[in-house]
Amino acid sequence: MPSWANSSVDKALPAGILSGYEDGAFRAGRETTRGEAAAMIYKLLAALGI
């Protein structure tokens, strides 16, 4: 994961926008699937009340 993303990830994890995998891992080096991206967008919009 690029260093510029660290602060955003640090904020998104406790907000529930990012949650990692079932085993608790956060695999920042992997490509994001379409489903994972959709889930992040959904959670972001919910967190914003949209």
Protein backbone atom coordinates (compact mmCIF):
# COMPACT_ATOMS: atom_id res chain seq x y z
CA MET A 1 0.00 0.00 0.00
CA PRO A 2 1.38 3.43 -0.87
CA SER A 3 2.32 5.58 2.10
CA TRP A 4 -0.10 8.33 1.04
CA ALA A 5 -3.03 5.94 1.66
CA ASN A 6 -2.14 5.10 5.28
CA SER A 7 -4.08 7.91 6.96
CA SER A 8 -7.21 7.23 4.88
CA VAL A 9 -7.09 3.52 5.63
CA ASP A 10 -6.51 4.26 9.32
CA LYS A 11 -9.74 6.30 9.31
CA ALA A 12 -11.78 3.94 7.12
CA LEU A 13 -11.13 0.81 9.20
CA PRO A 14 -12.72 2.00 12.48
CA ALA A 15 -15.54 3.67 10.50
CA GLY A 16 -16.44 0.26 9.06
CA ILE A 17 -15.88 1.33 5.46
CA LEU A 18 -13.00 -1.14 5.18
CA SER A 19 -13.14 -4.34 7.15
CA GLY A 20 -10.52 -6.69 5.76
CA TYR A 21 -11.08 -10.37 5.19
CA GLU A 22 -12.85 -12.99 7.31
CA ASP A 23 -9.54 -13.99 8.90
CA GLY A 24 -8.96 -10.37 9.98
CA ALA A 25 -6.25 -9.76 7.39
CA PHE A 26 -5.98 -6.53 5.42
CA ARG A 27 -4.37 -7.41 2.10
CA ALA A 28 -3.41 -4.02 0.71
CA GLY A 29 -1.13 -5.52 -1.95
CA ARG A 30 -3.93 -7.37 -3.76
CA GLU A 31 -6.14 -5.97 -6.49
CA THR A 32 -9.65 -5.05 -5.37
CA THR A 33 -12.51 -7.01 -6.92
CA ARG A 34 -15.57 -5.33 -8.35
CA GLY A 35 -17.63 -6.71 -5.46
CA GLU A 36 -15.19 -5.38 -2.86
CA ALA A 37 -15.23 -1.95 -4.49
CA ALA A 38 -19.03 -1.94 -4.53
CA ALA A 39 -19.11 -2.89 -0.84
CA MET A 40 -16.69 -0.06 0.05
CA ILE A 41 -18.77 2.48 -1.89
CA TYR A 42 -21.97 1.24 -0.22
CA LYS A 43 -20.41 1.47 3.25
CA LEU A 44 -18.99 4.94 2.51
CA LEU A 45 -22.38 6.24 1.37
CA ALA A 46 -24.04 4.71 4.46
CA ALA A 47 -21.43 6.34 6.72
CA LEU A 48 -22.16 9.68 5.04
CA GLY A 49 -25.91 9.18 5.46
CA ILE A 50 -26.57 9.12 1.73
